[in-house]
């Protein structure tokens, strides 16, 4: 029998860009299916999982606002992009045999459930993966903040952020070869050094609720279940280093 997961219930935050794979825009089906396979392995080990997926592969609110669209309107457009990504992930999970539900902070009952906290918890208790879409349902908040909020509401023991690299670095390792990788950091260090792991609101919310943030590479097959066993390569952000 394999090792038990370190965290009984977690929230996985995936950027919209992670779903593009090698494509310049949109959703790469093979990439989504690979992520779904990791989620299936993690769920089969007994971990209860919920997800928040960004929308930057389709539309980014800040970019839209910079081009002249009213900021609130642009943010709502970005929220709709996250619903598209959530439905794509749900389809991949269902093909992999993983029961899942999409809950949207913006009600759209034709395609998914509305966000109801107690229902989401019950879904996870029954072994279903819950995908939270449309951010917080409010403009001016990022999907990072939505992820931290949902992690707190769901009583998660950790929030995992799947990124393009295998942890937190002092600078972008793709641009600066001398960048230092951190094994662990405190919330304060992330904020004071402006490391850009997540936005300040998300980090602060995680600190207030004592939810560790674990940053790992979403592109490494098997990384998610390994991190959940406490074995993977990642950076852990907590109150203490």
Foldseek 3Di string as FASTA:
>chain_A
DDFAFPWQEEEEEEELVQQQVPHQADGDLVSLLLLLVLVVVQLVSRHQYEYEYWQVRHADLVVVVVVPDDSFVSLQVRLVSRVVVLVSSCVSNVVVVAAEFEAECPDDPVRGHHDDLVVCLVCSVVSHYYYYTSQNVGTPDGNLLSRLVSCLSNVTQAYEYADQAAEFWLDPCVVDVPIHGAQEEELVCCVVSVRPPDDNNNSVSCQVSFHKYKYGHSPDRNQVNCVRSVRHRTYIYGRPD
